[in-house]
């Protein structure tokens, strides 16, 4: 089971479930996970509690996924492509 942490700004306040479900859908599709296989956490920070990389908007989002090393490179690439499109 992958363990996923989403870190973003307070732009997502009120949209927490939408962001979590979008990331979970990407995980499920790219890694062929069953629906019950979920471990996703979302953390929101205001501008005073994070530094955004130069040239990025306040919607800058970091997604950290910890999973076993046996996943194929193709599955990891599919997951990355899927996440970049939704976020």
PDB file of N, CA and C in Angstrom:
ATOM      1  N   UNK A   1       0.844  -1.177   0.000  1.00  0.00           N
ATOM      2  CA  UNK A   1       0.000   0.000   0.000  1.00  0.00           C
ATOM      3  C   UNK A   1       0.886   1.236   0.000  1.00  0.00           C
ATOM      4  N   UNK A   2       0.746   2.091  -1.014  1.00  0.00           N
ATOM      5  CA  UNK A   2       1.501   3.339  -0.998  1.00  0.00           C
ATOM      6  C   UNK A   2       0.979   4.267   0.099  1.00  0.00           C
ATOM      7  N   UNK A   3       1.887   4.992   0.689  1.00  0.00           N
ATOM      8  CA  UNK A   3       1.531   6.007   1.678  1.00  0.00           C
ATOM      9  C   UNK A   3       1.786   7.363   1.021  1.00  0.00           C
ATOM     10  N   UNK A   4       0.760   8.214   0.996  1.00  0.00           N
ATOM     11  CA  UNK A   4       0.835   9.452   0.230  1.00  0.00           C
ATOM     12  C   UNK A   4       0.561  10.662   1.105  1.00  0.00           C
ATOM     13  N   UNK A   5       1.393  11.681   0.929  1.00  0.00           N
ATOM     14  CA  UNK A   5       1.264  12.938   1.667  1.00  0.00           C
ATOM     15  C   UNK A   5       1.211  14.071   0.650  1.00  0.00           C
ATOM     16  N   UNK A   6       0.173  14.904   0.742  1.00  0.00           N
ATOM     17  CA  UNK A   6      -0.006  16.042  -0.153  1.00  0.00           C
ATOM     18  C   UNK A   6       0.207  17.308   0.674  1.00  0.00           C
ATOM     19  N   UNK A   7       1.118  18.159   0.226  1.00  0.00           N
ATOM     20  CA  UNK A   7       1.402  19.405   0.925  1.00  0.00           C
ATOM     21  C   UNK A   7       1.121  20.542  -0.044  1.00  0.00           C
ATOM     22  N   UNK A   8       0.243  21.460   0.355  1.00  0.00           N
ATOM     23  CA  UNK A   8      -0.098  22.576  -0.521  1.00  0.00           C
ATOM     24  C   UNK A   8      -0.539  23.776   0.302  1.00  0.00           C
ATOM     25  N   UNK A   9      -0.938  24.825  -0.379  1.00  0.00           N
ATOM     26  CA  UNK A   9      -1.359  26.055   0.279  1.00  0.00           C
ATOM     27  C   UNK A   9      -2.826  26.045   0.654  1.00  0.00           C
ATOM     28  N   UNK A  10      -3.228  27.120   1.295  1.00  0.00           N
ATOM     29  CA  UNK A  10      -4.611  27.201   1.754  1.00  0.00           C
ATOM     30  C   UNK A  10      -5.595  27.479   0.624  1.00  0.00           C
ATOM     31  N   UNK A  11      -5.130  27.545  -0.630  1.00  0.00           N
ATOM     32  CA  UNK A  11      -6.041  27.642  -1.779  1.00  0.00           C
ATOM     33  C   UNK A  11      -6.978  26.435  -1.816  1.00  0.00           C
ATOM     34  N   UNK A  12      -6.531  25.298  -1.247  1.00  0.00           N
ATOM     35  CA  UNK A  12      -7.309  24.056  -1.299  1.00  0.00           C
ATOM     36  C   UNK A  12      -8.316  23.946  -0.156  1.00  0.00           C
ATOM     37  N   UNK A  13      -8.350  24.943   0.712  1.00  0.00           N
ATOM     38  CA  UNK A  13      -9.305  24.906   1.822  1.00  0.00           C
ATOM     39  C   UNK A  13     -10.728  24.852   1.274  1.00  0.00           C
ATOM     40  N   UNK A  14     -11.498  23.928   1.778  1.00  0.00           N
ATOM     41  CA  UNK A  14     -12.847  23.714   1.295  1.00  0.00           C
ATOM     42  C   UNK A  14     -12.914  22.726   0.135  1.00  0.00           C
ATOM     43  N   UNK A  15     -11.748  22.367  -0.390  1.00  0.00           N
ATOM     44  CA  UNK A  15     -11.663  21.427  -1.509  1.00  0.00           C
ATOM     45  C   UNK A  15     -10.833  20.201  -1.137  1.00  0.00           C
ATOM     46  N   UNK A  16     -10.656  19.968   0.152  1.00  0.00           N
ATOM     47  CA  UNK A  16      -9.780  18.896   0.624  1.00  0.00           C
ATOM     48  C   UNK A  16     -10.151  17.535   0.026  1.00  0.00           C
ATOM     49  N   UNK A  17     -11.415  17.177   0.107  1.00  0.00           N
ATOM     50  CA  UNK A  17     -11.850  15.863  -0.411  1.00  0.00           C
ATOM     51  C   UNK A  17     -11.590  15.743  -1.901  1.00  0.00           C
ATOM     52  N   UNK A  18     -11.812  16.826  -2.631  1.00  0.00           N
ATOM     53  CA  UNK A  18     -11.584  16.830  -4.078  1.00  0.00           C
ATOM     54  C   UNK A  18     -10.108  16.568  -4.409  1.00  0.00           C
ATOM     55  N   UNK A  19      -9.206  17.221  -3.684  1.00  0.00           N
ATOM     56  CA  UNK A  19      -7.767  17.039  -3.921  1.00  0.00           C
ATOM     57  C   UNK A  19      -7.348  15.618  -3.556  1.00  0.00           C
ATOM     58  N   UNK A  20      -7.783  15.140  -2.400  1.00  0.00           N
ATOM     59  CA  UNK A  20      -7.432  13.788  -1.963  1.00  0.00           C
ATOM     60  C   UNK A  20      -7.959  12.747  -2.947  1.00  0.00           C
ATOM     61  N   UNK A  21      -9.190  12.880  -3.364  1.00  0.00           N
ATOM     62  CA  UNK A  21      -9.787  11.909  -4.291  1.00  0.00           C
ATOM     63  C   UNK A  21      -9.105  11.937  -5.657  1.00  0.00           C
ATOM     64  N   UNK A  22      -8.690  13.109  -6.113  1.00  0.00           N
ATOM     65  CA  UNK A  22      -7.985  13.210  -7.391  1.00  0.00           C
ATOM     66  C   UNK A  22      -6.649  12.468  -7.330  1.00  0.00           C
ATOM     67  N   UNK A  23      -5.919  12.647  -6.237  1.00  0.00           N
ATOM     68  CA  UNK A  23      -4.637  11.954  -6.084  1.00  0.00           C
ATOM     69  C   UNK A  23      -4.873  10.452  -5.939  1.00  0.00           C
ATOM     70  N   UNK A  24      -5.871  10.061  -5.159  1.00  0.00           N
ATOM     71  CA  UNK A  24      -6.178   8.639  -4.993  1.00  0.00           C
ATOM     72  C   UNK A  24      -6.576   8.006  -6.328  1.00  0.00           C
ATOM     73  N   UNK A  25      -7.331   8.723  -7.152  1.00  0.00           N
ATOM     74  CA  UNK A  25      -7.721   8.200  -8.464  1.00  0.00           C
ATOM     75  C   UNK A  25      -6.489   7.963  -9.341  1.00  0.00           C
ATOM     76  N   UNK A  26      -5.518   8.876  -9.283  1.00  0.00           N
ATOM     77  CA  UNK A  26      -4.273   8.698 -10.037  1.00  0.00           C
ATOM     78  C   UNK A  26      -3.507   7.478  -9.539  1.00  0.00           C
ATOM     79  N   UNK A  27      -3.418   7.340  -8.225  1.00  0.00           N
ATOM     80  CA  UNK A  27      -2.738   6.178  -7.647  1.00  0.00           C
ATOM     81  C   UNK A  27      -3.414   4.886  -8.089  1.00  0.00           C
ATOM     82  N   UNK A  28      -4.736   4.848  -7.982  1.00  0.00           N
ATOM     83  CA  UNK A  28      -5.487   3.639  -8.322  1.00  0.00           C
ATOM     84  C   UNK A  28      -5.317   3.262  -9.791  1.00  0.00           C
ATOM     85  N   UNK A  29      -5.417   4.254 -10.666  1.00  0.00           N
ATOM     86  CA  UNK A  29      -5.329   3.980 -12.101  1.00  0.00           C
ATOM     87  C   UNK A  29      -3.919   3.558 -12.519  1.00  0.00           C
ATOM     88  N   UNK A  30      -2.921   4.306 -12.088  1.00  0.00           N
ATOM     89  CA  UNK A  30      -1.551   4.042 -12.535  1.00  0.00           C
ATOM     90  C   UNK A  30      -0.956   2.790 -11.903  1.00  0.00           C
ATOM     91  N   UNK A  31      -1.287   2.539 -10.643  1.00  0.00           N
ATOM     92  CA  UNK A  31      -0.694   1.404  -9.927  1.00  0.00           C
ATOM     93  C   UNK A  31      -1.631   0.212  -9.824  1.00  0.00           C
ATOM     94  N   UNK A  32      -2.817   0.327 -10.400  1.00  0.00           N
ATOM     95  CA  UNK A  32      -3.817  -0.751 -10.381  1.00  0.00           C
ATOM     96  C   UNK A  32      -4.172  -1.169  -8.959  1.00  0.00           C
ATOM     97  N   UNK A  33      -4.414  -0.174  -8.104  1.00  0.00           N
ATOM     98  CA  UNK A  33      -4.742  -0.444  -6.708  1.00  0.00           C
ATOM     99  C   UNK A  33      -6.228  -0.741  -6.545  1.00  0.00           C
ATOM    100  N   UNK A  34      -6.566  -1.629  -5.620  1.00  0.00           N
ATOM    101  CA  UNK A  34      -7.987  -1.818  -5.309  1.00  0.00           C
ATOM    102  C   UNK A  34      -8.517  -0.579  -4.585  1.00  0.00           C
ATOM    103  N   UNK A  35      -9.826  -0.381  -4.626  1.00  0.00           N
ATOM    104  CA  UNK A  35     -10.432   0.818  -4.055  1.00  0.00           C
ATOM    105  C   UNK A  35     -10.182   0.948  -2.555  1.00  0.00           C
ATOM    106  N   UNK A  36     -10.060  -0.164  -1.843  1.00  0.00           N
ATOM    107  CA  UNK A  36      -9.884  -0.116  -0.389  1.00  0.00           C
ATOM    108  C   UNK A  36      -8.451   0.250   0.016  1.00  0.00           C
ATOM    109  N   UNK A  37      -7.527   0.253  -0.930  1.00  0.00           N
ATOM    110  CA  UNK A  37      -6.112   0.497  -0.628  1.00  0.00           C
ATOM    111  C   UNK A  37      -5.853   2.003  -0.619  1.00  0.00           C
ATOM    112  N   UNK A  38      -6.064   2.636   0.557  1.00  0.00           N
ATOM    113  CA  UNK A  38      -5.955   4.092   0.669  1.00  0.00           C
ATOM    114  C   UNK A  38      -5.142   4.485   1.897  1.00  0.00           C
ATOM    115  N   UNK A  39      -4.195   5.376   1.691  1.00  0.00           N
ATOM    116  CA  UNK A  39      -3.458   6.005   2.787  1.00  0.00           C
ATOM    117  C   UNK A  39      -2.962   7.350   2.265  1.00  0.00           C
ATOM    118  N   UNK A  40      -3.853   8.349   2.283  1.00  0.00           N
ATOM    119  CA  UNK A  40      -3.550   9.670   1.728  1.00  0.00           C
ATOM    120  C   UNK A  40      -3.842  10.726   2.785  1.00  0.00           C
ATOM    121  N   UNK A  41      -2.874  11.614   2.993  1.00  0.00           N
ATOM    122  CA  UNK A  41      -3.054  12.717   3.946  1.00  0.00           C
ATOM    123  C   UNK A  41      -2.799  14.038   3.223  1.00  0.00           C
ATOM    124  N   UNK A  42      -3.556  15.048   3.593  1.00  0.00           N
ATOM    125  CA  UNK A  42      -3.430  16.382   3.003  1.00  0.00           C
ATOM    126  C   UNK A  42      -3.083  17.383   4.095  1.00  0.00           C
ATOM    127  N   UNK A  43      -2.057  18.184   3.844  1.00  0.00           N
ATOM    128  CA  UNK A  43      -1.659  19.245   4.776  1.00  0.00           C
ATOM    129  C   UNK A  43      -1.733  20.582   4.050  1.00  0.00           C
ATOM    130  N   UNK A  44      -2.404  21.539   4.661  1.00  0.00           N
ATOM    131  CA  UNK A  44      -2.535  22.875   4.086  1.00  0.00           C
ATOM    132  C   UNK A  44      -1.735  23.876   4.918  1.00  0.00           C
ATOM    133  N   UNK A  45      -1.030  24.778   4.227  1.00  0.00           N
ATOM    134  CA  UNK A  45      -0.232  25.791   4.910  1.00  0.00           C
ATOM    135  C   UNK A  45      -0.531  27.158   4.311  1.00  0.00           C
ATOM    136  N   UNK A  46      -0.575  28.182   5.159  1.00  0.00           N
ATOM    137  CA  UNK A  46      -0.720  29.537   4.635  1.00  0.00           C
ATOM    138  C   UNK A  46       0.651  30.039   4.183  1.00  0.00           C
ATOM    139  N   UNK A  47       0.681  31.216   3.575  1.00  0.00           N
ATOM    140  CA  UNK A  47       1.927  31.755   3.011  1.00  0.00           C
ATOM    141  C   UNK A  47       3.018  31.964   4.048  1.00  0.00           C
ATOM    142  N   UNK A  48       2.655  32.129   5.311  1.00  0.00           N
ATOM    143  CA  UNK A  48       3.637  32.350   6.367  1.00  0.00           C
ATOM    144  C   UNK A  48       4.333  31.059   6.798  1.00  0.00           C
ATOM    145  N   UNK A  49       3.804  29.929   6.409  1.00  0.00           N
ATOM    146  CA  UNK A  49       4.330  28.654   6.890  1.00  0.00           C
ATOM    147  C   UNK A  49       5.003  27.812   5.814  1.00  0.00           C
ATOM    148  N   UNK A  50       5.244  28.414   4.654  1.00  0.00           N
ATOM    149  CA  UNK A  50       5.963  27.674   3.616  1.00  0.00           C
ATOM    150  C   UNK A  50       6.598  28.649   2.640  1.00  0.00           C
ATOM    151  N   UNK A  51       7.641  28.187   1.998  1.00  0.00           N
ATOM    152  CA  UNK A  51       8.318  28.967   0.963  1.00  0.00           C
ATOM    153  C   UNK A  51       8.040  28.256  -0.363  1.00  0.00           C
ATOM    154  N   UNK A  52       7.506  28.997  -1.296  1.00  0.00           N
ATOM    155  CA  UNK A  52       7.194  28.451  -2.612  1.00  0.00           C
ATOM    156  C   UNK A  52       8.391  28.698  -3.522  1.00  0.00           C
ATOM    157  N   UNK A  53       8.795  27.703  -4.310  1.00  0.00           N
ATOM    158  CA  UNK A  53       9.925  27.904  -5.217  1.00  0.00           C
ATOM    159  C   UNK A  53       9.698  29.086  -6.160  1.00  0.00           C
ATOM    160  N   UNK A  54      10.751  29.795  -6.462  1.00  0.00           N
ATOM    161  CA  UNK A  54      10.684  30.943  -7.359  1.00  0.00           C
ATOM    162  C   UNK A  54      10.045  30.550  -8.680  1.00  0.00           C
ATOM    163  N   UNK A  55       9.137  31.396  -9.146  1.00  0.00           N
ATOM    164  CA  UNK A  55       8.483  31.153 -10.424  1.00  0.00           C
ATOM    165  C   UNK A  55       7.242  30.280 -10.339  1.00  0.00           C
ATOM    166  N   UNK A  56       6.885  29.808  -9.142  1.00  0.00           N
ATOM    167  CA  UNK A  56       5.694  28.961  -8.968  1.00  0.00           C
ATOM    168  C   UNK A  56       4.564  29.783  -8.352  1.00  0.00           C
ATOM    169  N   UNK A  57       3.335  29.350  -8.609  1.00  0.00           N
ATOM    170  CA  UNK A  57       2.178  30.067  -8.064  1.00  0.00           C
ATOM    171  C   UNK A  57       1.878  29.583  -6.649  1.00  0.00           C
ATOM    172  N   UNK A  58       0.893  30.227  -6.011  1.00  0.00           N
ATOM    173  CA  UNK A  58       0.502  29.819  -4.659  1.00  0.00           C
ATOM    174  C   UNK A  58      -0.153  28.442  -4.668  1.00  0.00           C
ATOM    175  N   UNK A  59      -0.489  27.929  -5.847  1.00  0.00           N
ATOM    176  CA  UNK A  59      -1.076  26.590  -5.961  1.00  0.00           C
ATOM    177  C   UNK A  59      -0.005  25.493  -6.025  1.00  0.00           C
ATOM    178  N   UNK A  60       1.254  25.870  -5.869  1.00  0.00           N
ATOM    179  CA  UNK A  60       2.337  24.881  -5.873  1.00  0.00           C
ATOM    180  C   UNK A  60       1.999  23.778  -4.876  1.00  0.00           C
ATOM    181  N   UNK A  61       2.081  22.546  -5.326  1.00  0.00           N
ATOM    182  CA  UNK A  61       1.704  21.394  -4.512  1.00  0.00           C
ATOM    183  C   UNK A  61       2.798  20.338  -4.583  1.00  0.00           C
ATOM    184  N   UNK A  62       3.134  19.774  -3.435  1.00  0.00           N
ATOM    185  CA  UNK A  62       4.106  18.681  -3.375  1.00  0.00           C
ATOM    186  C   UNK A  62       3.360  17.408  -2.992  1.00  0.00           C
ATOM    187  N   UNK A  63       3.598  16.344  -3.740  1.00  0.00           N
ATOM    188  CA  UNK A  63       2.999  15.047  -3.447  1.00  0.00           C
ATOM    189  C   UNK A  63       4.137  14.076  -3.173  1.00  0.00           C
ATOM    190  N   UNK A  64       4.163  13.524  -1.969  1.00  0.00           N
ATOM    191  CA  UNK A  64       5.178  12.550  -1.580  1.00  0.00           C
ATOM    192  C   UNK A  64       4.522  11.176  -1.503  1.00  0.00           C
ATOM    193  N   UNK A  65       5.076  10.216  -2.234  1.00  0.00           N
ATOM    194  CA  UNK A  65       4.516   8.867  -2.249  1.00  0.00           C
ATOM    195  C   UNK A  65       5.610   7.894  -1.842  1.00  0.00           C
ATOM    196  N   UNK A  66       5.331   7.118  -0.817  1.00  0.00           N
ATOM    197  CA  UNK A  66       6.245   6.084  -0.372  1.00  0.00           C
ATOM    198  C   UNK A  66       5.626   4.736  -0.742  1.00  0.00           C
ATOM    199  N   UNK A  67       6.367   3.933  -1.509  1.00  0.00           N
ATOM    200  CA  UNK A  67       5.861   2.627  -1.907  1.00  0.00           C
ATOM    201  C   UNK A  67       7.022   1.665  -2.040  1.00  0.00           C
ATOM    202  N   UNK A  68       6.706   0.375  -2.156  1.00  0.00           N
ATOM    203  CA  UNK A  68       7.790  -0.597  -2.225  1.00  0.00           C
ATOM    204  C   UNK A  68       8.566  -0.434  -3.527  1.00  0.00           C
ATOM    205  N   UNK A  69       9.817  -0.834  -3.512  1.00  0.00           N
ATOM    206  CA  UNK A  69      10.717  -0.566  -4.630  1.00  0.00           C
ATOM    207  C   UNK A  69      10.433  -1.432  -5.857  1.00  0.00           C
ATOM    208  N   UNK A  70       9.581  -2.409  -5.752  1.00  0.00           N
ATOM    209  CA  UNK A  70       9.318  -3.315  -6.861  1.00  0.00           C
ATOM    210  C   UNK A  70       8.416  -2.769  -7.950  1.00  0.00           C
ATOM    211  N   UNK A  71       7.887  -1.575  -7.787  1.00  0.00           N
ATOM    212  CA  UNK A  71       7.026  -1.000  -8.822  1.00  0.00           C
ATOM    213  C   UNK A  71       7.836  -0.765 -10.097  1.00  0.00           C
ATOM    214  N   UNK A  72       7.234  -1.056 -11.224  1.00  0.00           N
ATOM    215  CA  UNK A  72       7.939  -0.891 -12.501  1.00  0.00           C
ATOM    216  C   UNK A  72       8.136   0.588 -12.822  1.00  0.00           C
ATOM    217  N   UNK A  73       9.136   0.866 -13.611  1.00  0.00           N
ATOM    218  CA  UNK A  73       9.399   2.229 -14.045  1.00  0.00           C
ATOM    219  C   UNK A  73       8.209   2.753 -14.854  1.00  0.00           C
ATOM    220  N   UNK A  74       7.581   1.898 -15.640  1.00  0.00           N
ATOM    221  CA  UNK A  74       6.414   2.294 -16.418  1.00  0.00           C
ATOM    222  C   UNK A  74       5.262   2.730 -15.533  1.00  0.00           C
ATOM    223  N   UNK A  75       5.029   2.000 -14.431  1.00  0.00           N
ATOM    224  CA  UNK A  75       3.957   2.365 -13.492  1.00  0.00           C
ATOM    225  C   UNK A  75       4.265   3.691 -12.818  1.00  0.00           C
ATOM    226  N   UNK A  76       5.518   3.901 -12.447  1.00  0.00           N
ATOM    227  CA  UNK A  76       5.907   5.163 -11.805  1.00  0.00           C
ATOM    228  C   UNK A  76       5.749   6.334 -12.773  1.00  0.00           C
ATOM    229  N   UNK A  77       6.119   6.126 -14.020  1.00  0.00           N
ATOM    230  CA  UNK A  77       5.971   7.195 -15.019  1.00  0.00           C
ATOM    231  C   UNK A  77       4.497   7.507 -15.272  1.00  0.00           C
ATOM    232  N   UNK A  78       3.671   6.478 -15.340  1.00  0.00           N
ATOM    233  CA  UNK A  78       2.235   6.683 -15.542  1.00  0.00           C
ATOM    234  C   UNK A  78       1.638   7.458 -14.371  1.00  0.00           C
ATOM    235  N   UNK A  79       2.073   7.140 -13.168  1.00  0.00           N
ATOM    236  CA  UNK A  79       1.594   7.838 -11.982  1.00  0.00           C
ATOM    237  C   UNK A  79       2.012   9.305 -12.028  1.00  0.00           C
ATOM    238  N   UNK A  80       3.261   9.569 -12.344  1.00  0.00           N
ATOM    239  CA  UNK A  80       3.746  10.950 -12.423  1.00  0.00           C
ATOM    240  C   UNK A  80       2.949  11.748 -13.457  1.00  0.00           C
ATOM    241  N   UNK A  81       2.765  11.184 -14.654  1.00  0.00           N
ATOM    242  CA  UNK A  81       2.005  11.875 -15.709  1.00  0.00           C
ATOM    243  C   UNK A  81       0.594  12.189 -15.234  1.00  0.00           C
ATOM    244  N   UNK A  82      -0.027  11.232 -14.588  1.00  0.00           N
ATOM    245  CA  UNK A  82      -1.394  11.416 -14.109  1.00  0.00           C
ATOM    246  C   UNK A  82      -1.474  12.511 -13.058  1.00  0.00           C
ATOM    247  N   UNK A  83      -0.537  12.555 -12.140  1.00  0.00           N
ATOM    248  CA  UNK A  83      -0.530  13.566 -11.083  1.00  0.00           C
ATOM    249  C   UNK A  83      -0.274  14.964 -11.639  1.00  0.00           C
ATOM    250  N   UNK A  84       0.621  15.078 -12.583  1.00  0.00           N
ATOM    251  CA  UNK A  84       0.949  16.385 -13.159  1.00  0.00           C
ATOM    252  C   UNK A  84      -0.262  16.965 -13.874  1.00  0.00           C
ATOM    253  N   UNK A  85      -1.043  16.134 -14.510  1.00  0.00           N
ATOM    254  CA  UNK A  85      -2.230  16.601 -15.221  1.00  0.00           C
ATOM    255  C   UNK A  85      -3.300  17.110 -14.264  1.00  0.00           C
ATOM    256  N   UNK A  86      -3.534  16.419 -13.139  1.00  0.00           N
ATOM    257  CA  UNK A  86      -4.622  16.816 -12.244  1.00  0.00           C
ATOM    258  C   UNK A  86      -4.253  17.977 -11.344  1.00  0.00           C
ATOM    259  N   UNK A  87      -2.970  18.124 -11.041  1.00  0.00           N
ATOM    260  CA  UNK A  87      -2.577  19.190 -10.113  1.00  0.00           C
ATOM    261  C   UNK A  87      -1.973  20.326 -10.908  1.00  0.00           C
TER     262      UNK A  87
END
